[in-house]
C-alpha atoms as a PDB file:
ATOM      1  CA  MET A   1       0.000   0.000   0.000  1.00  0.00           C
ATOM      2  CA  MET A   2       1.269   3.415  -0.885  1.00  0.00           C
ATOM      3  CA  GLY A   3       1.654   5.865   1.978  1.00  0.00           C
ATOM      4  CA  ASP A   4      -0.918   8.493   2.791  1.00  0.00           C
ATOM      5  CA  GLN A   5      -0.385  11.877   1.178  1.00  0.00           C
ATOM      6  CA  GLN A   6       0.660  14.746   3.395  1.00  0.00           C
ATOM      7  CA  ARG A   7      -2.428  16.166   5.048  1.00  0.00           C
ATOM      8  CA  THR A   8      -2.228  19.768   3.882  1.00  0.00           C
ATOM      9  CA  ALA A   9      -5.970  20.165   3.370  1.00  0.00           C
ATOM     10  CA  LEU A  10      -7.765  23.306   4.403  1.00  0.00           C
ATOM     11  CA  PRO A  11     -10.588  21.675   6.387  1.00  0.00           C
ATOM     12  CA  LEU A  12     -13.963  21.925   4.682  1.00  0.00           C
ATOM     13  CA  ALA A  13     -16.743  23.667   6.549  1.00  0.00           C
ATOM     14  CA  GLY A  14     -18.764  21.292   8.723  1.00  0.00           C
ATOM     15  CA  HIS A  15     -21.906  21.943   6.689  1.00  0.00           C
ATOM     16  CA  THR A  16     -20.295  20.892   3.407  1.00  0.00           C
ATOM     17  CA  ALA A  17     -22.419  18.036   2.054  1.00  0.00           C
ATOM     18  CA  VAL A  18     -21.055  15.611  -0.516  1.00  0.00           C
ATOM     19  CA  ALA A  19     -22.578  12.512  -2.096  1.00  0.00           C
ATOM     20  CA  VAL A  20     -20.528   9.769  -3.725  1.00  0.00           C
ATOM     21  CA  VAL A  21     -22.277   7.295  -6.021  1.00  0.00           C
ATOM     22  CA  GLY A  22     -20.473   3.955  -6.205  1.00  0.00           C
ATOM     23  CA  GLY A  23     -19.078   1.866  -3.385  1.00  0.00           C
ATOM     24  CA  GLY A  24     -16.035   0.429  -5.148  1.00  0.00           C
ATOM     25  CA  ALA A  25     -12.417   1.295  -4.455  1.00  0.00           C
ATOM     26  CA  MET A  26     -12.683   4.755  -6.001  1.00  0.00           C
ATOM     27  CA  GLY A  27     -15.970   5.645  -4.302  1.00  0.00           C
ATOM     28  CA  ILE A  28     -14.593   4.569  -0.933  1.00  0.00           C
ATOM     29  CA  GLY A  29     -11.442   6.603  -1.526  1.00  0.00           C
ATOM     30  CA  ILE A  30     -13.351   9.729  -2.534  1.00  0.00           C
ATOM     31  CA  ALA A  31     -15.645   9.398   0.481  1.00  0.00           C
ATOM     32  CA  HIS A  32     -12.557   9.030   2.680  1.00  0.00           C
ATOM     33  CA  ALA A  33     -10.992  12.193   1.245  1.00  0.00           C
ATOM     34  CA  PHE A  34     -14.019  14.355   1.936  1.00  0.00           C
ATOM     35  CA  ALA A  35     -14.921  12.822   5.313  1.00  0.00           C
ATOM     36  CA  THR A  36     -11.411  13.251   6.710  1.00  0.00           C
ATOM     37  CA  ALA A  37     -11.473  16.883   5.524  1.00  0.00           C
ATOM     38  CA  GLY A  38     -14.660  17.557   7.512  1.00  0.00           C
ATOM     39  CA  ALA A  39     -17.495  17.132   5.002  1.00  0.00           C
ATOM     40  CA  SER A  40     -20.584  15.040   5.592  1.00  0.00           C
ATOM     41  CA  VAL A  41     -20.721  12.267   2.990  1.00  0.00           C
ATOM     42  CA  ASP A  42     -23.563  10.136   1.632  1.00  0.00           C
ATOM     43  CA  LEU A  43     -22.039   6.938   0.207  1.00  0.00           C
ATOM     44  CA  ILE A  44     -24.475   5.394  -2.261  1.00  0.00           C
ATOM     45  CA  ASP A  45     -24.534   1.958  -3.832  1.00  0.00           C
ATOM     46  CA  ALA A  46     -27.098  -0.254  -5.569  1.00  0.00           C
ATOM     47  CA  ASP A  47     -28.694  -1.364  -2.279  1.00  0.00           C
ATOM     48  CA  LEU A  48     -28.224  -0.697   1.415  1.00  0.00           C
ATOM     49  CA  ALA A  49     -26.289  -3.902   2.074  1.00  0.00           C
ATOM     50  CA  ARG A  50     -23.688  -2.957  -0.533  1.00  0.00           C
ATOM     51  CA  ALA A  51     -23.525   0.630   0.725  1.00  0.00           C
ATOM     52  CA  GLU A  52     -23.007  -0.581   4.289  1.00  0.00           C
ATOM     53  CA  ALA A  53     -20.297  -2.989   3.095  1.00  0.00           C
ATOM     54  CA  ALA A  54     -18.530  -0.074   1.383  1.00  0.00           C
ATOM     55  CA  ALA A  55     -18.763   1.981   4.586  1.00  0.00           C
ATOM     56  CA  LYS A  56     -17.271  -0.945   6.487  1.00  0.00           C
ATOM     57  CA  LYS A  57     -14.335  -1.073   4.071  1.00  0.00           C
ATOM     58  CA  LEU A  58     -13.861   2.664   4.535  1.00  0.00           C
ATOM     59  CA  GLU A  59     -13.757   2.060   8.283  1.00  0.00           C
ATOM     60  CA  GLY A  60     -10.919  -0.382   7.668  1.00  0.00           C
ATOM     61  CA  VAL A  61      -9.031   2.227   5.629  1.00  0.00           C
ATOM     62  CA  LEU A  62      -9.421   4.733   8.449  1.00  0.00           C
ATOM     63  CA  GLN A  63      -8.179   2.201  10.997  1.00  0.00           C
ATOM     64  CA  ALA A  64      -5.146   1.473   8.827  1.00  0.00           C
ATOM     65  CA  ALA A  65      -4.398   5.218   8.779  1.00  0.00           C
ATOM     66  CA  VAL A  66      -4.515   5.222  12.576  1.00  0.00           C
ATOM     67  CA  THR A  67      -2.083   2.291  12.669  1.00  0.00           C
ATOM     68  CA  ARG A  68       0.321   4.198  10.400  1.00  0.00           C
ATOM     69  CA  GLY A  69       0.025   7.317  12.529  1.00  0.00           C
ATOM     70  CA  LYS A  70      -1.676   9.354   9.794  1.00  0.00           C
ATOM     71  CA  LEU A  71      -4.880   9.884  11.780  1.00  0.00           C
ATOM     72  CA  SER A  72      -5.649   9.861  15.487  1.00  0.00           C
ATOM     73  CA  LEU A  73      -8.349   7.555  16.824  1.00  0.00           C
ATOM     74  CA  ALA A  74     -10.564  10.584  17.377  1.00  0.00           C
ATOM     75  CA  GLU A  75     -10.051  11.859  13.818  1.00  0.00           C
ATOM     76  CA  ALA A  76     -10.827   8.454  12.345  1.00  0.00           C
ATOM     77  CA  ALA A  77     -13.949   8.064  14.456  1.00  0.00           C
ATOM     78  CA  ALA A  78     -15.150  11.533  13.518  1.00  0.00           C
ATOM     79  CA  ALA A  79     -14.572  10.869   9.817  1.00  0.00           C
ATOM     80  CA  ARG A  80     -16.475   7.563   9.960  1.00  0.00           C
ATOM     81  CA  ALA A  81     -19.360   9.276  11.761  1.00  0.00           C
ATOM     82  CA  ARG A  82     -19.649  11.740   8.872  1.00  0.00           C
ATOM     83  CA  VAL A  83     -20.273   8.939   6.349  1.00  0.00           C
ATOM     84  CA  SER A  84     -23.833   7.702   5.826  1.00  0.00           C
ATOM     85  CA  PRO A  85     -24.454   4.627   3.640  1.00  0.00           C
ATOM     86  CA  ARG A  86     -27.446   5.096   1.327  1.00  0.00           C
ATOM     87  CA  ALA A  87     -29.328   2.800  -1.022  1.00  0.00           C
ATOM     88  CA  SER A  88     -30.460   5.508  -3.427  1.00  0.00           C
ATOM     89  CA  LEU A  89     -29.882   9.072  -4.563  1.00  0.00           C
ATOM     90  CA  VAL A  90     -33.459   9.771  -3.464  1.00  0.00           C
ATOM     91  CA  GLU A  91     -32.125   9.719   0.101  1.00  0.00           C
ATOM     92  CA  VAL A  92     -29.695  12.567  -0.641  1.00  0.00           C
ATOM     93  CA  ALA A  93     -30.936  15.971   0.478  1.00  0.00           C
ATOM     94  CA  PRO A  94     -31.232  18.526  -2.343  1.00  0.00           C
ATOM     95  CA  GLY A  95     -28.544  21.171  -2.685  1.00  0.00           C
ATOM     96  CA  ALA A  96     -25.367  19.258  -1.819  1.00  0.00           C
ATOM     97  CA  ALA A  97     -22.101  21.043  -2.524  1.00  0.00           C
ATOM     98  CA  LEU A  98     -21.053  18.136  -4.734  1.00  0.00           C
ATOM     99  CA  ILE A  99     -22.345  14.859  -6.098  1.00  0.00           C
ATOM    100  CA  VAL A 100     -19.659  12.770  -7.771  1.00  0.00           C
ATOM    101  CA  GLU A 101     -20.296   9.502  -9.563  1.00  0.00           C
ATOM    102  CA  ALA A 102     -17.706   6.751  -9.328  1.00  0.00           C
ATOM    103  CA  VAL A 103     -19.449   3.888 -11.118  1.00  0.00           C
ATOM    104  CA  PRO A 104     -17.855   1.630 -13.789  1.00  0.00           C
ATOM    105  CA  GLU A 105     -16.598   3.142 -17.065  1.00  0.00           C
ATOM    106  CA  ILE A 106     -19.797   2.395 -19.002  1.00  0.00           C
ATOM    107  CA  VAL A 107     -21.266   5.413 -20.774  1.00  0.00           C
ATOM    108  CA  ASP A 108     -24.948   4.481 -20.497  1.00  0.00           C
ATOM    109  CA  LEU A 109     -24.609   3.617 -16.805  1.00  0.00           C
ATOM    110  CA  LYS A 110     -22.863   6.875 -16.018  1.00  0.00           C
ATOM    111  CA  ARG A 111     -25.457   8.883 -17.936  1.00  0.00           C
ATOM    112  CA  ARG A 112     -28.297   7.269 -15.989  1.00  0.00           C
ATOM    113  CA  VAL A 113     -26.607   7.921 -12.666  1.00  0.00           C
ATOM    114  CA  LEU A 114     -25.770  11.528 -13.568  1.00  0.00           C
ATOM    115  CA  ALA A 115     -29.306  12.308 -14.733  1.00  0.00           C
ATOM    116  CA  GLU A 116     -30.684  11.013 -11.436  1.00  0.00           C
ATOM    117  CA  ALA A 117     -28.016  12.881  -9.469  1.00  0.00           C
ATOM    118  CA  GLU A 118     -28.824  16.140 -11.252  1.00  0.00           C
ATOM    119  CA  SER A 119     -32.401  15.937  -9.963  1.00  0.00           C
ATOM    120  CA  ARG A 120     -30.987  16.420  -6.428  1.00  0.00           C
ATOM    121  CA  GLU A 121     -29.791  19.889  -7.561  1.00  0.00           C
ATOM    122  CA  PRO A 122     -26.167  19.819  -6.379  1.00  0.00           C
ATOM    123  CA  ALA A 123     -24.043  22.937  -6.729  1.00  0.00           C
ATOM    124  CA  ILE A 124     -21.533  20.788  -8.664  1.00  0.00           C
ATOM    125  CA  LEU A 125     -22.176  17.519 -10.455  1.00  0.00           C
ATOM    126  CA  ALA A 126     -19.007  15.581 -11.233  1.00  0.00           C
ATOM    127  CA  SER A 127     -17.804  12.381 -12.811  1.00  0.00           C
ATOM    128  CA  ASN A 128     -14.753  10.472 -11.681  1.00  0.00           C
ATOM    129  CA  THR A 129     -14.365   9.036 -15.168  1.00  0.00           C
ATOM    130  CA  SER A 130     -10.780   8.384 -16.141  1.00  0.00           C
ATOM    131  CA  GLY A 131     -11.309   8.431 -19.880  1.00  0.00           C
ATOM    132  CA  ILE A 132     -14.824   9.185 -21.158  1.00  0.00           C
ATOM    133  CA  ALA A 133     -15.389  12.673 -22.573  1.00  0.00           C
ATOM    134  CA  ILE A 134     -17.287  14.918 -20.169  1.00  0.00           C
ATOM    135  CA  GLY A 135     -19.285  16.385 -23.059  1.00  0.00           C
ATOM    136  CA  GLU A 136     -20.471  12.896 -23.981  1.00  0.00           C
ATOM    137  CA  LEU A 137     -21.601  12.202 -20.422  1.00  0.00           C
ATOM    138  CA  ALA A 138     -23.399  15.569 -20.248  1.00  0.00           C
ATOM    139  CA  ALA A 139     -25.635  14.825 -23.253  1.00  0.00           C
ATOM    140  CA  ASP A 140     -28.775  14.246 -21.150  1.00  0.00           C
ATOM    141  CA  LEU A 141     -28.168  16.902 -18.487  1.00  0.00           C
ATOM    142  CA  ALA A 142     -30.358  19.964 -18.116  1.00  0.00           C
ATOM    143  CA  ARG A 143     -27.588  22.031 -16.509  1.00  0.00           C
ATOM    144  CA  PRO A 144     -24.324  20.978 -18.189  1.00  0.00           C
ATOM    145  CA  GLU A 145     -22.665  24.183 -17.002  1.00  0.00           C
ATOM    146  CA  ARG A 146     -22.634  22.682 -13.491  1.00  0.00           C
ATOM    147  CA  PHE A 147     -20.998  19.460 -14.669  1.00  0.00           C
ATOM    148  CA  ILE A 148     -17.266  18.784 -14.491  1.00  0.00           C
ATOM    149  CA  GLY A 149     -14.774  15.943 -14.408  1.00  0.00           C
ATOM    150  CA  MET A 150     -13.010  15.266 -11.098  1.00  0.00           C
ATOM    151  CA  HIS A 151     -10.636  12.392 -11.817  1.00  0.00           C
ATOM    152  CA  PHE A 152      -9.174  11.007  -8.597  1.00  0.00           C
ATOM    153  CA  PHE A 153      -6.354   8.460  -8.455  1.00  0.00           C
ATOM    154  CA  ASN A 154      -6.219   5.138  -6.664  1.00  0.00           C
ATOM    155  CA  PRO A 155      -5.649   4.879  -3.745  1.00  0.00           C
ATOM    156  CA  VAL A 156      -7.234   8.283  -3.241  1.00  0.00           C
ATOM    157  CA  TRP A 157      -5.846   8.757   0.277  1.00  0.00           C
ATOM    158  CA  ALA A 158      -2.277   8.318  -0.988  1.00  0.00           C
ATOM    159  CA  MET A 159      -2.364  10.048  -4.374  1.00  0.00           C
ATOM    160  CA  ALA A 160      -2.082  13.835  -4.353  1.00  0.00           C
ATOM    161  CA  LEU A 161      -3.225  14.464  -7.939  1.00  0.00           C
ATOM    162  CA  LEU A 162      -6.756  15.507  -8.883  1.00  0.00           C
ATOM    163  CA  GLU A 163      -7.354  15.987 -12.608  1.00  0.00           C
ATOM    164  CA  ILE A 164     -10.102  18.556 -13.269  1.00  0.00           C
ATOM    165  CA  VAL A 165     -11.719  18.175 -16.695  1.00  0.00           C
ATOM    166  CA  VAL A 166     -13.707  21.029 -18.238  1.00  0.00           C
ATOM    167  CA  SER A 167     -15.990  20.761 -21.240  1.00  0.00           C
ATOM    168  CA  ALA A 168     -17.020  23.597 -23.518  1.00  0.00           C
ATOM    169  CA  GLN A 169     -20.170  23.945 -21.394  1.00  0.00           C
ATOM    170  CA  THR A 170     -18.599  23.899 -17.931  1.00  0.00           C
ATOM    171  CA  SER A 171     -18.966  27.337 -16.336  1.00  0.00           C
ATOM    172  CA  GLU A 172     -16.098  29.303 -14.829  1.00  0.00           C
ATOM    173  CA  SER A 173     -17.886  29.292 -11.472  1.00  0.00           C
ATOM    174  CA  THR A 174     -18.139  25.497 -11.520  1.00  0.00           C
ATOM    175  CA  LEU A 175     -14.437  25.217 -12.288  1.00  0.00           C
ATOM    176  CA  ALA A 176     -13.558  27.639  -9.497  1.00  0.00           C
ATOM    177  CA  ALA A 177     -15.711  25.738  -7.001  1.00  0.00           C
ATOM    178  CA  ALA A 178     -14.225  22.380  -8.027  1.00  0.00           C
ATOM    179  CA  LEU A 179     -10.699  23.740  -7.612  1.00  0.00           C
ATOM    180  CA  GLN A 180     -11.622  25.038  -4.171  1.00  0.00           C
ATOM    181  CA  LEU A 181     -13.007  21.661  -3.142  1.00  0.00           C
ATOM    182  CA  GLY A 182      -9.840  20.002  -4.404  1.00  0.00           C
ATOM    183  CA  LYS A 183      -7.765  22.384  -2.314  1.00  0.00           C
ATOM    184  CA  GLY A 184     -10.026  21.705   0.650  1.00  0.00           C
ATOM    185  CA  ILE A 185      -9.153  18.010   0.610  1.00  0.00           C
ATOM    186  CA  GLY A 186      -5.452  18.639   0.093  1.00  0.00           C
ATOM    187  CA  LYS A 187      -5.133  17.685  -3.581  1.00  0.00           C
ATOM    188  CA  GLU A 188      -2.793  19.096  -6.214  1.00  0.00           C
ATOM    189  CA  THR A 189      -4.993  19.950  -9.181  1.00  0.00           C
ATOM    190  CA  ILE A 190      -4.409  20.164 -12.910  1.00  0.00           C
ATOM    191  CA  VAL A 191      -6.994  21.455 -15.400  1.00  0.00           C
ATOM    192  CA  VAL A 192      -7.333  19.719 -18.752  1.00  0.00           C
ATOM    193  CA  ARG A 193      -9.504  20.029 -21.842  1.00  0.00           C
ATOM    194  CA  ASP A 194     -12.286  17.568 -22.469  1.00  0.00           C
ATOM    195  CA  LEU A 195     -10.701  15.024 -24.794  1.00  0.00           C
ATOM    196  CA  PRO A 196     -11.077  11.265 -24.190  1.00  0.00           C
ATOM    197  CA  GLY A 197      -8.366  10.032 -21.860  1.00  0.00           C
ATOM    198  CA  PHE A 198      -7.595  13.581 -20.714  1.00  0.00           C
ATOM    199  CA  ALA A 199      -3.883  13.827 -19.796  1.00  0.00           C
ATOM    200  CA  SER A 200      -3.122  11.215 -17.169  1.00  0.00           C
ATOM    201  CA  THR A 201      -5.159   8.297 -18.505  1.00  0.00           C
ATOM    202  CA  ARG A 202      -4.094   8.790 -22.099  1.00  0.00           C
ATOM    203  CA  LEU A 203      -0.449   8.538 -21.066  1.00  0.00           C
ATOM    204  CA  GLY A 204      -0.911   5.896 -18.393  1.00  0.00           C
ATOM    205  CA  ILE A 205      -3.021   3.513 -20.442  1.00  0.00           C
ATOM    206  CA  ALA A 206      -0.603   3.743 -23.392  1.00  0.00           C
ATOM    207  CA  LEU A 207       2.233   2.591 -21.108  1.00  0.00           C
ATOM    208  CA  GLY A 208       0.103  -0.152 -19.574  1.00  0.00           C
ATOM    209  CA  LEU A 209      -1.080  -1.545 -22.907  1.00  0.00           C
ATOM    210  CA  GLU A 210       2.447  -1.573 -24.307  1.00  0.00           C
ATOM    211  CA  ALA A 211       3.657  -3.433 -21.217  1.00  0.00           C
ATOM    212  CA  MET A 212       0.958  -6.062 -21.880  1.00  0.00           C
ATOM    213  CA  ARG A 213       2.047  -6.389 -25.512  1.00  0.00           C
ATOM    214  CA  MET A 214       5.628  -6.864 -24.322  1.00  0.00           C
ATOM    215  CA  LEU A 215       4.421  -9.615 -21.999  1.00  0.00           C
ATOM    216  CA  GLU A 216       2.598 -11.266 -24.919  1.00  0.00           C
ATOM    217  CA  ASP A 217       5.772 -11.050 -27.022  1.00  0.00           C
ATOM    218  CA  GLY A 218       7.813 -12.704 -24.286  1.00  0.00           C
ATOM    219  CA  VAL A 219      10.130  -9.718 -23.869  1.00  0.00           C
ATOM    220  CA  ALA A 220      10.368 -10.269 -20.103  1.00  0.00           C
ATOM    221  CA  SER A 221       8.324 -11.339 -17.108  1.00  0.00           C
ATOM    222  CA  ALA A 222       5.677  -9.044 -15.627  1.00  0.00           C
ATOM    223  CA  ALA A 223       7.922  -8.390 -12.638  1.00  0.00           C
ATOM    224  CA  ASP A 224      10.930  -7.483 -14.781  1.00  0.00           C
ATOM    225  CA  ILE A 225       8.894  -5.228 -17.095  1.00  0.00           C
ATOM    226  CA  ASP A 226       7.664  -3.411 -13.998  1.00  0.00           C
ATOM    227  CA  ARG A 227      11.149  -3.224 -12.496  1.00  0.00           C
ATOM    228  CA  ALA A 228      12.410  -1.620 -15.698  1.00  0.00           C
ATOM    229  CA  MET A 229      10.089   1.335 -15.119  1.00  0.00           C
ATOM    230  CA  GLU A 230      10.458   1.417 -11.347  1.00  0.00           C
ATOM    231  CA  ILE A 231      14.258   1.397 -11.351  1.00  0.00           C
ATOM    232  CA  GLY A 232      15.084   2.833 -14.760  1.00  0.00           C
ATOM    233  CA  TYR A 233      12.484   5.607 -14.793  1.00  0.00           C
ATOM    234  CA  ARG A 234      11.776   5.935 -11.070  1.00  0.00           C
ATOM    235  CA  HIS A 235       8.084   5.164 -11.403  1.00  0.00           C
ATOM    236  CA  PRO A 236       6.725   4.325  -7.933  1.00  0.00           C
ATOM    237  CA  MET A 237       4.922   1.301  -9.407  1.00  0.00           C
ATOM    238  CA  GLY A 238       5.298  -0.598 -12.674  1.00  0.00           C
ATOM    239  CA  PRO A 239       2.524  -0.487 -15.303  1.00  0.00           C
ATOM    240  CA  LEU A 240       1.386  -4.097 -14.835  1.00  0.00           C
ATOM    241  CA  LYS A 241       1.233  -3.929 -11.058  1.00  0.00           C
ATOM    242  CA  LEU A 242      -0.632  -0.637 -11.397  1.00  0.00           C
ATOM    243  CA  THR A 243      -3.093  -2.332 -13.756  1.00  0.00           C
ATOM    244  CA  ASP A 244      -3.697  -4.972 -11.088  1.00  0.00           C
ATOM    245  CA  LEU A 245      -4.361  -2.235  -8.547  1.00  0.00           C
ATOM    246  CA  VAL A 246      -6.710  -0.277 -10.815  1.00  0.00           C
ATOM    247  CA  GLY A 247      -8.494  -3.427 -12.019  1.00  0.00           C
ATOM    248  CA  LEU A 248      -8.035  -5.200 -15.344  1.00  0.00           C
ATOM    249  CA  ASP A 249     -11.746  -4.824 -16.102  1.00  0.00           C
ATOM    250  CA  VAL A 250     -11.514  -1.072 -15.549  1.00  0.00           C
ATOM    251  CA  ARG A 251      -8.500  -0.806 -17.852  1.00  0.00           C
ATOM    252  CA  LEU A 252     -10.252  -2.909 -20.496  1.00  0.00           C
ATOM    253  CA  ASP A 253     -13.252  -0.554 -20.498  1.00  0.00           C
ATOM    254  CA  ILE A 254     -10.939   2.455 -20.750  1.00  0.00           C
ATOM    255  CA  ALA A 255      -8.931   0.938 -23.600  1.00  0.00           C
ATOM    256  CA  ARG A 256     -12.074   0.161 -25.564  1.00  0.00           C
ATOM    257  CA  ASN A 257     -13.374   3.701 -25.071  1.00  0.00           C
ATOM    258  CA  LEU A 258     -10.079   5.259 -26.172  1.00  0.00           C
ATOM    259  CA  ALA A 259      -9.767   2.942 -29.171  1.00  0.00           C
ATOM    260  CA  ARG A 260     -13.079   4.262 -30.497  1.00  0.00           C
ATOM    261  CA  THR A 261     -11.549   7.751 -30.612  1.00  0.00           C
ATOM    262  CA  TYR A 262      -7.841   7.202 -31.286  1.00  0.00           C
ATOM    263  CA  GLY A 263      -7.794   3.912 -33.153  1.00  0.00           C
ATOM    264  CA  GLU A 264      -5.678   0.782 -32.951  1.00  0.00           C
ATOM    265  CA  ARG A 265      -2.945   2.219 -30.741  1.00  0.00           C
ATOM    266  CA  TYR A 266      -5.389   1.862 -27.812  1.00  0.00           C
ATOM    267  CA  ALA A 267      -6.885  -1.482 -28.864  1.00  0.00           C
ATOM    268  CA  PRO A 268      -6.779  -3.832 -25.846  1.00  0.00           C
ATOM    269  CA  PRO A 269      -4.209  -6.643 -26.128  1.00  0.00           C
ATOM    270  CA  LYS A 270      -5.516 -10.197 -26.216  1.00  0.00           C
ATOM    271  CA  VAL A 271      -3.969 -10.980 -22.839  1.00  0.00           C
ATOM    272  CA  LEU A 272      -6.093  -8.282 -21.211  1.00  0.00           C
ATOM    273  CA  GLU A 273      -9.326  -9.509 -22.768  1.00  0.00           C
ATOM    274  CA  THR A 274      -8.519 -13.129 -21.894  1.00  0.00           C
ATOM    275  CA  MET A 275      -7.681 -12.400 -18.268  1.00  0.00           C
ATOM    276  CA  VAL A 276     -10.825 -10.338 -17.719  1.00  0.00           C
ATOM    277  CA  ALA A 277     -12.962 -13.082 -19.278  1.00  0.00           C
ATOM    278  CA  ALA A 278     -11.340 -15.545 -16.845  1.00  0.00           C
ATOM    279  CA  GLY A 279     -12.161 -13.332 -13.853  1.00  0.00           C
ATOM    280  CA  LYS A 280      -8.537 -12.367 -13.235  1.00  0.00           C
ATOM    281  CA  LEU A 281      -9.182  -8.723 -12.437  1.00  0.00           C
ATOM    282  CA  GLY A 282      -6.137  -7.899 -10.340  1.00  0.00           C
ATOM    283  CA  LYS A 283      -5.934  -7.221  -6.621  1.00  0.00           C
ATOM    284  CA  LYS A 284      -9.699  -7.195  -6.074  1.00  0.00           C
ATOM    285  CA  SER A 285     -10.048 -10.760  -7.378  1.00  0.00           C
ATOM    286  CA  GLY A 286      -6.776 -12.007  -5.906  1.00  0.00           C
ATOM    287  CA  GLU A 287      -5.018 -12.529  -9.221  1.00  0.00           C
ATOM    288  CA  GLY A 288      -4.072 -10.545 -12.300  1.00  0.00           C
ATOM    289  CA  PHE A 289      -0.554 -10.117 -13.607  1.00  0.00           C
ATOM    290  CA  TYR A 290       0.400 -10.961 -10.010  1.00  0.00           C
ATOM    291  CA  ARG A 291      -1.171 -13.023  -7.250  1.00  0.00           C
ATOM    292  CA  TRP A 292      -2.298 -10.891  -4.328  1.00  0.00           C
ATOM    293  CA  THR A 293      -2.228 -11.757  -0.645  1.00  0.00           C
ATOM    294  CA  GLU A 294      -2.816  -9.621   2.426  1.00  0.00           C
ATOM    295  CA  SER A 295       0.886  -8.799   2.465  1.00  0.00           C
ATOM    296  CA  GLY A 296       0.955  -7.618  -1.170  1.00  0.00           C
ATOM    297  CA  ALA A 297       1.756  -8.847  -4.655  1.00  0.00           C
ATOM    298  CA  VAL A 298       3.431 -12.178  -5.400  1.00  0.00           C
ATOM    299  CA  THR A 299       4.870 -12.948  -8.844  1.00  0.00           C
ATOM    300  CA  VAL A 300       2.654 -15.366 -10.785  1.00  0.00           C
END
């Protein structure tokens, strides 16, 4: 696990209300970021049992931060108390400062979630998409000027970067408010134009896909391909191990989306499609390019 980022956040006002849709790794991380900064957070999943399970995982993340000395017991308890698991957006009070969706990278799913979220009239509506154009996701929105991309990085509590994505319709006031929220949770922000893949994903996925092609070609083992980037280029994590952490299914969806725009250079390698079909999704399934145990990654 990567270490927690330095806590340089300007604490958010106690009345700041945020809703996060999606109880996966990214949703839990985003909820953690806002709750530890002082916001009240509704954590929403498909049903209450799943939302409560996500909140329980978040509790584990907070406890791990206490163990590492990044949070006090009191801070962790206060952050957990600010998080409310919800089964539906209907349970979210109108007028939240922010609703951010963190559901899988499927355009139709995201559009449905965003349309429902917009009905709760948040000041800012955001997507955590890592590669889908914001303008495409805004197609069914009544107030696209309030919509923006807020691309967090996994694990959210350790990664300082927040990529803010603006479409042609995003208002200056929405951008300013999103930047302020990013500052409030201690993130370093960059602002990018609304092109599929943005900046970080377009570069990161290209490296990851090429590493997979190298593995297919027998250039080297997964571990040695990763070590080449970690030692030779000082990347904190190699592209194949990072793919395991992100999720092979997530990277497959991203690659397919980018290939529709940029062509064959982003076409998913066969090894990626085969592993996803076999349920080898990376850390969350216990096996991807590596086998995963509680102590970390083990070479396959």
